[in-house]
Amino acid sequence: MYSKNICRVVFLVFGTLASSLAAYHIYSFFGYSSPKQISSKIIVLYNILFGISVSAAFLMLVNGSISFKPILKETSSFSYTLYVSHFPIILFAYGATQTFTMNSTLNSFLVTLISTAICIVLSKYAAQYVEAARPFDILKSKLSTAPKKIS
């Protein structure tokens, strides 16, 4: 049985706990020189809290209790290209800027914003060629017009 009020409480409580834990983790990250020095238990606990909170939000979304306005709606026209190309771009940005971002959360955040913008811009222009190709459309049309076998 679905209860909008229970979902809201779960979303708020677990979301607040997850946000607080994330803030604590980010604050405690300053001064560490290696990720190995940070307890992975904090990350696991955050993942659990965040997952429960997002599950409650999805339940409310599916049942129509909440709605949201899409951000960057224009990216839907090149979403497949963005999906395929973002990982190599981000991996390259990580490797190319590793010494710049090491021991600097601000530099890491800056590189993240720039690489995200690069992913979106490159995907937008690449999609004009990649998604316009449609190599399987010819095969689909041949299969749909092929005579059916009667058995």
C-alpha atoms as a PDB file:
ATOM      1  CA  MET A   1       0.000   0.000   0.000  1.00  0.00           C
ATOM      2  CA  TYR A   2       1.315   3.398  -1.020  1.00  0.00           C
ATOM      3  CA  SER A   3       1.370   6.296   1.411  1.00  0.00           C
ATOM      4  CA  LYS A   4       2.499   9.682   0.160  1.00  0.00           C
ATOM      5  CA  ASN A   5       3.228  10.928   3.685  1.00  0.00           C
ATOM      6  CA  ILE A   6       5.395   7.929   4.612  1.00  0.00           C
ATOM      7  CA  CYS A   7       7.341   8.302   1.364  1.00  0.00           C
ATOM      8  CA  ARG A   8       7.918  11.999   2.033  1.00  0.00           C
ATOM      9  CA  VAL A   9       9.173  11.315   5.549  1.00  0.00           C
ATOM     10  CA  VAL A  10      11.467   8.523   4.313  1.00  0.00           C
ATOM     11  CA  PHE A  11      12.737  10.760   1.515  1.00  0.00           C
ATOM     12  CA  LEU A  12      13.406  13.697   3.832  1.00  0.00           C
ATOM     13  CA  VAL A  13      14.939  11.721   6.709  1.00  0.00           C
ATOM     14  CA  PHE A  14      17.194   9.481   4.619  1.00  0.00           C
ATOM     15  CA  GLY A  15      18.007  12.306   2.196  1.00  0.00           C
ATOM     16  CA  THR A  16      19.032  14.571   5.066  1.00  0.00           C
ATOM     17  CA  LEU A  17      21.155  11.826   6.600  1.00  0.00           C
ATOM     18  CA  ALA A  18      22.800  11.086   3.242  1.00  0.00           C
ATOM     19  CA  SER A  19      23.466  14.790   2.614  1.00  0.00           C
ATOM     20  CA  SER A  20      24.915  15.230   6.098  1.00  0.00           C
ATOM     21  CA  LEU A  21      27.142  12.209   5.642  1.00  0.00           C
ATOM     22  CA  ALA A  22      28.277  13.486   2.237  1.00  0.00           C
ATOM     23  CA  ALA A  23      29.091  16.892   3.722  1.00  0.00           C
ATOM     24  CA  TYR A  24      31.015  15.221   6.541  1.00  0.00           C
ATOM     25  CA  HIS A  25      32.879  13.034   4.075  1.00  0.00           C
ATOM     26  CA  ILE A  26      33.814  15.983   1.843  1.00  0.00           C
ATOM     27  CA  TYR A  27      34.887  18.025   4.871  1.00  0.00           C
ATOM     28  CA  SER A  28      36.954  15.144   6.250  1.00  0.00           C
ATOM     29  CA  PHE A  29      38.574  14.594   2.845  1.00  0.00           C
ATOM     30  CA  PHE A  30      40.573  17.801   3.196  1.00  0.00           C
ATOM     31  CA  GLY A  31      43.985  16.957   4.571  1.00  0.00           C
ATOM     32  CA  TYR A  32      44.108  13.390   3.264  1.00  0.00           C
ATOM     33  CA  SER A  33      46.709  12.637   0.652  1.00  0.00           C
ATOM     34  CA  SER A  34      45.291   9.295  -0.436  1.00  0.00           C
ATOM     35  CA  PRO A  35      41.758   7.918  -0.814  1.00  0.00           C
ATOM     36  CA  LYS A  36      42.985   4.775   0.976  1.00  0.00           C
ATOM     37  CA  GLN A  37      43.109   6.807   4.182  1.00  0.00           C
ATOM     38  CA  ILE A  38      39.339   7.304   4.148  1.00  0.00           C
ATOM     39  CA  SER A  39      37.098   4.587   5.541  1.00  0.00           C
ATOM     40  CA  SER A  40      34.998   2.874   2.883  1.00  0.00           C
ATOM     41  CA  LYS A  41      32.321   2.267   5.529  1.00  0.00           C
ATOM     42  CA  ILE A  42      31.302   5.918   5.199  1.00  0.00           C
ATOM     43  CA  ILE A  43      30.805   5.487   1.466  1.00  0.00           C
ATOM     44  CA  VAL A  44      28.798   2.279   1.911  1.00  0.00           C
ATOM     45  CA  LEU A  45      26.566   3.923   4.515  1.00  0.00           C
ATOM     46  CA  TYR A  46      26.068   6.925   2.229  1.00  0.00           C
ATOM     47  CA  ASN A  47      25.122   4.637  -0.673  1.00  0.00           C
ATOM     48  CA  ILE A  48      22.513   2.882   1.483  1.00  0.00           C
ATOM     49  CA  LEU A  49      21.002   6.123   2.801  1.00  0.00           C
ATOM     50  CA  PHE A  50      20.999   7.751  -0.627  1.00  0.00           C
ATOM     51  CA  GLY A  51      19.514   4.643  -2.240  1.00  0.00           C
ATOM     52  CA  ILE A  52      16.611   4.502   0.215  1.00  0.00           C
ATOM     53  CA  SER A  53      15.960   8.218  -0.260  1.00  0.00           C
ATOM     54  CA  VAL A  54      15.975   7.968  -4.063  1.00  0.00           C
ATOM     55  CA  SER A  55      13.748   4.870  -3.924  1.00  0.00           C
ATOM     56  CA  ALA A  56      11.165   6.850  -1.957  1.00  0.00           C
ATOM     57  CA  ALA A  57      11.431   9.684  -4.497  1.00  0.00           C
ATOM     58  CA  PHE A  58      10.923   7.257  -7.398  1.00  0.00           C
ATOM     59  CA  LEU A  59       7.909   5.739  -5.672  1.00  0.00           C
ATOM     60  CA  MET A  60       6.371   9.199  -5.291  1.00  0.00           C
ATOM     61  CA  LEU A  61       7.236  10.010  -8.918  1.00  0.00           C
ATOM     62  CA  VAL A  62       5.640   6.822 -10.238  1.00  0.00           C
ATOM     63  CA  ASN A  63       2.483   7.431  -8.198  1.00  0.00           C
ATOM     64  CA  GLY A  64       2.203  11.034  -9.380  1.00  0.00           C
ATOM     65  CA  SER A  65       2.791  12.626  -5.970  1.00  0.00           C
ATOM     66  CA  ILE A  66       5.715  14.653  -7.283  1.00  0.00           C
ATOM     67  CA  SER A  67       6.895  15.829 -10.663  1.00  0.00           C
ATOM     68  CA  PHE A  68       9.940  17.630 -11.876  1.00  0.00           C
ATOM     69  CA  LYS A  69      10.903  19.839 -14.748  1.00  0.00           C
ATOM     70  CA  PRO A  70      13.575  18.224 -16.926  1.00  0.00           C
ATOM     71  CA  ILE A  71      16.988  19.885 -16.985  1.00  0.00           C
ATOM     72  CA  LEU A  72      18.805  20.111 -20.321  1.00  0.00           C
ATOM     73  CA  LYS A  73      15.790  18.785 -22.205  1.00  0.00           C
ATOM     74  CA  GLU A  74      17.547  19.582 -25.468  1.00  0.00           C
ATOM     75  CA  THR A  75      20.027  16.746 -24.863  1.00  0.00           C
ATOM     76  CA  SER A  76      17.337  14.185 -25.672  1.00  0.00           C
ATOM     77  CA  SER A  77      18.029  14.665 -29.384  1.00  0.00           C
ATOM     78  CA  PHE A  78      21.613  13.418 -28.938  1.00  0.00           C
ATOM     79  CA  SER A  79      21.276  11.304 -25.795  1.00  0.00           C
ATOM     80  CA  TYR A  80      22.619   8.107 -27.357  1.00  0.00           C
ATOM     81  CA  THR A  81      25.798   9.798 -28.555  1.00  0.00           C
ATOM     82  CA  LEU A  82      26.190  11.414 -25.140  1.00  0.00           C
ATOM     83  CA  TYR A  83      25.722   8.031 -23.475  1.00  0.00           C
ATOM     84  CA  VAL A  84      28.334   6.341 -25.662  1.00  0.00           C
ATOM     85  CA  SER A  85      30.935   9.120 -25.682  1.00  0.00           C
ATOM     86  CA  HIS A  86      30.897  10.465 -22.121  1.00  0.00           C
ATOM     87  CA  PHE A  87      32.976   7.690 -20.559  1.00  0.00           C
ATOM     88  CA  PRO A  88      36.049   7.961 -22.819  1.00  0.00           C
ATOM     89  CA  ILE A  89      35.951  11.751 -22.589  1.00  0.00           C
ATOM     90  CA  ILE A  90      35.774  11.731 -18.797  1.00  0.00           C
ATOM     91  CA  LEU A  91      38.450   9.032 -18.594  1.00  0.00           C
ATOM     92  CA  PHE A  92      40.732  11.142 -20.791  1.00  0.00           C
ATOM     93  CA  ALA A  93      40.031  14.252 -18.690  1.00  0.00           C
ATOM     94  CA  TYR A  94      40.832  12.313 -15.532  1.00  0.00           C
ATOM     95  CA  GLY A  95      44.132  11.068 -16.926  1.00  0.00           C
ATOM     96  CA  ALA A  96      45.130  14.375 -18.482  1.00  0.00           C
ATOM     97  CA  THR A  97      44.433  16.437 -15.362  1.00  0.00           C
ATOM     98  CA  GLN A  98      45.432  14.012 -12.636  1.00  0.00           C
ATOM     99  CA  THR A  99      48.384  16.060 -11.390  1.00  0.00           C
ATOM    100  CA  PHE A 100      46.277  19.242 -11.506  1.00  0.00           C
ATOM    101  CA  THR A 101      43.442  17.745  -9.468  1.00  0.00           C
ATOM    102  CA  MET A 102      45.544  15.791  -6.987  1.00  0.00           C
ATOM    103  CA  ASN A 103      45.024  17.091  -3.434  1.00  0.00           C
ATOM    104  CA  SER A 104      42.602  19.778  -4.607  1.00  0.00           C
ATOM    105  CA  THR A 105      38.857  19.367  -4.338  1.00  0.00           C
ATOM    106  CA  LEU A 106      38.310  22.743  -6.006  1.00  0.00           C
ATOM    107  CA  ASN A 107      40.423  21.760  -9.014  1.00  0.00           C
ATOM    108  CA  SER A 108      38.603  18.419  -9.219  1.00  0.00           C
ATOM    109  CA  PHE A 109      35.261  20.195  -9.217  1.00  0.00           C
ATOM    110  CA  LEU A 110      36.468  22.600 -11.903  1.00  0.00           C
ATOM    111  CA  VAL A 111      37.684  19.747 -14.119  1.00  0.00           C
ATOM    112  CA  THR A 112      34.359  17.954 -13.582  1.00  0.00           C
ATOM    113  CA  LEU A 113      32.362  20.991 -14.755  1.00  0.00           C
ATOM    114  CA  ILE A 114      34.586  21.556 -17.779  1.00  0.00           C
ATOM    115  CA  SER A 115      34.623  17.884 -18.821  1.00  0.00           C
ATOM    116  CA  THR A 116      30.825  17.713 -18.463  1.00  0.00           C
ATOM    117  CA  ALA A 117      30.449  20.735 -20.737  1.00  0.00           C
ATOM    118  CA  ILE A 118      32.877  19.198 -23.242  1.00  0.00           C
ATOM    119  CA  CYS A 119      30.899  15.929 -23.221  1.00  0.00           C
ATOM    120  CA  ILE A 120      27.667  17.756 -23.970  1.00  0.00           C
ATOM    121  CA  VAL A 121      29.110  19.980 -26.710  1.00  0.00           C
ATOM    122  CA  LEU A 122      31.050  17.199 -28.466  1.00  0.00           C
ATOM    123  CA  SER A 123      28.059  14.850 -28.321  1.00  0.00           C
ATOM    124  CA  LYS A 124      25.759  17.499 -29.734  1.00  0.00           C
ATOM    125  CA  TYR A 125      27.936  17.981 -32.799  1.00  0.00           C
ATOM    126  CA  ALA A 126      28.938  14.315 -33.199  1.00  0.00           C
ATOM    127  CA  ALA A 127      25.281  13.258 -33.087  1.00  0.00           C
ATOM    128  CA  GLN A 128      24.620  15.078 -36.346  1.00  0.00           C
ATOM    129  CA  TYR A 129      26.765  12.449 -38.053  1.00  0.00           C
ATOM    130  CA  VAL A 130      26.452   9.443 -35.752  1.00  0.00           C
ATOM    131  CA  GLU A 131      22.730   9.408 -35.095  1.00  0.00           C
ATOM    132  CA  ALA A 132      21.856  10.543 -38.608  1.00  0.00           C
ATOM    133  CA  ALA A 133      23.605   7.512 -40.142  1.00  0.00           C
ATOM    134  CA  ARG A 134      20.858   5.007 -39.182  1.00  0.00           C
ATOM    135  CA  PRO A 135      22.621   1.966 -40.731  1.00  0.00           C
ATOM    136  CA  PHE A 136      19.891  -0.498 -39.748  1.00  0.00           C
ATOM    137  CA  ASP A 137      16.964   1.371 -41.297  1.00  0.00           C
ATOM    138  CA  ILE A 138      17.570  -0.329 -44.665  1.00  0.00           C
ATOM    139  CA  LEU A 139      17.599  -3.752 -43.022  1.00  0.00           C
ATOM    140  CA  LYS A 140      14.394  -2.964 -41.105  1.00  0.00           C
ATOM    141  CA  SER A 141      12.602  -1.889 -44.262  1.00  0.00           C
ATOM    142  CA  LYS A 142      13.681  -5.065 -46.088  1.00  0.00           C
ATOM    143  CA  LEU A 143      12.516  -7.262 -43.212  1.00  0.00           C
ATOM    144  CA  SER A 144       9.156  -5.543 -42.951  1.00  0.00           C
ATOM    145  CA  THR A 145       8.444  -5.965 -46.689  1.00  0.00           C
ATOM    146  CA  ALA A 146       9.666  -9.576 -46.904  1.00  0.00           C
ATOM    147  CA  PRO A 147       6.942 -12.125 -47.640  1.00  0.00           C
ATOM    148  CA  LYS A 148       5.730 -14.024 -44.602  1.00  0.00           C
ATOM    149  CA  LYS A 149       6.188 -17.782 -44.410  1.00  0.00           C
ATOM    150  CA  ILE A 150       3.010 -19.755 -43.876  1.00  0.00           C
ATOM    151  CA  SER A 151       3.543 -22.964 -41.983  1.00  0.00           C
END
